[in-house]
């Protein structure tokens, strides 16, 4: 079996697959986090929304999920 260090195409393929895997793992939570922050900041300003921003920043996956599942309804006066 050939040594992958001697074949630059083999090394590039491994690096490309690692980058693709990293993007597949990192991009969806990042988009969720950014979407939640945008959604929170578009609401009418209240002290409760400041708490939601803090929760979203401190808990980058659970915070946005909680906002989309519970917080948006509470922010407009609906019960969850």
Protein backbone atom coordinates (compact mmCIF):
# COMPACT_ATOMS: atom_id res chain seq x y z
CA UNK A 1 0.00 0.00 0.00
CA UNK A 2 1.33 3.43 -0.94
CA UNK A 3 2.28 5.95 1.68
CA UNK A 4 -0.36 8.77 1.62
CA UNK A 5 2.32 11.31 2.54
CA UNK A 6 4.01 10.70 -0.83
CA UNK A 7 0.84 11.28 -2.87
CA UNK A 8 -0.33 14.91 -2.59
CA UNK A 9 -3.73 14.06 -4.12
CA UNK A 10 -4.38 11.55 -1.37
CA UNK A 11 -3.58 14.12 1.32
CA UNK A 12 -5.77 16.73 -0.39
CA UNK A 13 -8.66 14.26 -0.56
CA UNK A 14 -8.37 13.52 3.15
CA UNK A 15 -8.21 17.23 4.00
CA UNK A 16 -11.20 17.98 1.79
CA UNK A 17 -13.29 15.26 3.40
CA UNK A 18 -12.34 16.52 6.86
CA UNK A 19 -13.32 20.07 5.92
CA UNK A 20 -16.62 18.85 4.47
CA UNK A 21 -17.35 16.91 7.67
CA UNK A 22 -16.47 19.92 9.79
CA UNK A 23 -18.80 22.13 7.74
CA UNK A 24 -21.56 19.55 7.96
CA UNK A 25 -21.24 19.50 11.73
CA UNK A 26 -20.61 23.21 12.36
CA UNK A 27 -22.83 25.07 9.89
CA UNK A 28 -26.34 23.93 10.97
CA UNK A 29 -25.87 24.95 14.65
CA UNK A 30 -24.30 28.22 13.53
CA UNK A 31 -27.27 28.97 11.26
CA UNK A 32 -29.67 28.05 14.07
CA UNK A 33 -27.83 30.37 16.45
CA UNK A 34 -27.75 33.29 13.99
CA UNK A 35 -31.40 32.75 13.04
CA UNK A 36 -32.46 32.76 16.68
CA UNK A 37 -30.54 35.95 17.43
CA UNK A 38 -32.08 37.68 14.41
CA UNK A 39 -35.54 36.47 15.41
CA UNK A 40 -35.07 37.66 18.99
CA UNK A 41 -33.74 41.06 17.98
CA UNK A 42 -36.65 41.63 15.57
CA UNK A 43 -39.15 41.42 18.42
CA UNK A 44 -40.35 44.41 20.43
CA UNK A 45 -37.75 45.32 23.04
CA UNK A 46 -38.61 44.01 26.50
CA UNK A 47 -36.45 42.89 29.44
CA UNK A 48 -37.48 39.30 28.73
CA UNK A 49 -35.91 39.47 25.28
CA UNK A 50 -32.60 40.53 26.82
CA UNK A 51 -32.75 37.34 28.86
CA UNK A 52 -33.39 35.32 25.69
CA UNK A 53 -30.34 36.90 24.02
CA UNK A 54 -28.25 35.97 27.06
CA UNK A 55 -29.57 32.39 27.08
CA UNK A 56 -28.89 32.08 23.35
CA UNK A 57 -25.32 33.33 23.77
CA UNK A 58 -24.57 31.12 26.79
CA UNK A 59 -26.26 27.97 25.46
CA UNK A 60 -25.55 28.06 21.71
CA UNK A 61 -27.65 25.02 20.76
CA UNK A 62 -30.20 24.67 23.56
CA UNK A 63 -30.87 28.42 23.72
CA UNK A 64 -31.97 28.83 20.08
CA UNK A 65 -33.99 25.62 20.23
CA UNK A 66 -35.76 26.85 23.36
CA UNK A 67 -36.42 30.21 21.68
CA UNK A 68 -37.98 28.64 18.61
CA UNK A 69 -40.00 26.09 20.61
CA UNK A 70 -41.12 28.26 23.54
CA UNK A 71 -39.79 31.81 23.49
CA UNK A 72 -41.35 33.13 20.31
CA UNK A 73 -44.81 32.22 21.51
CA UNK A 74 -44.22 33.76 24.92
CA UNK A 75 -42.81 36.93 23.33
CA UNK A 76 -46.04 37.56 21.40
CA UNK A 77 -48.29 36.65 24.32
CA UNK A 78 -49.18 33.07 23.46
CA UNK A 79 -48.72 30.25 25.90
CA UNK A 80 -46.30 27.50 24.86
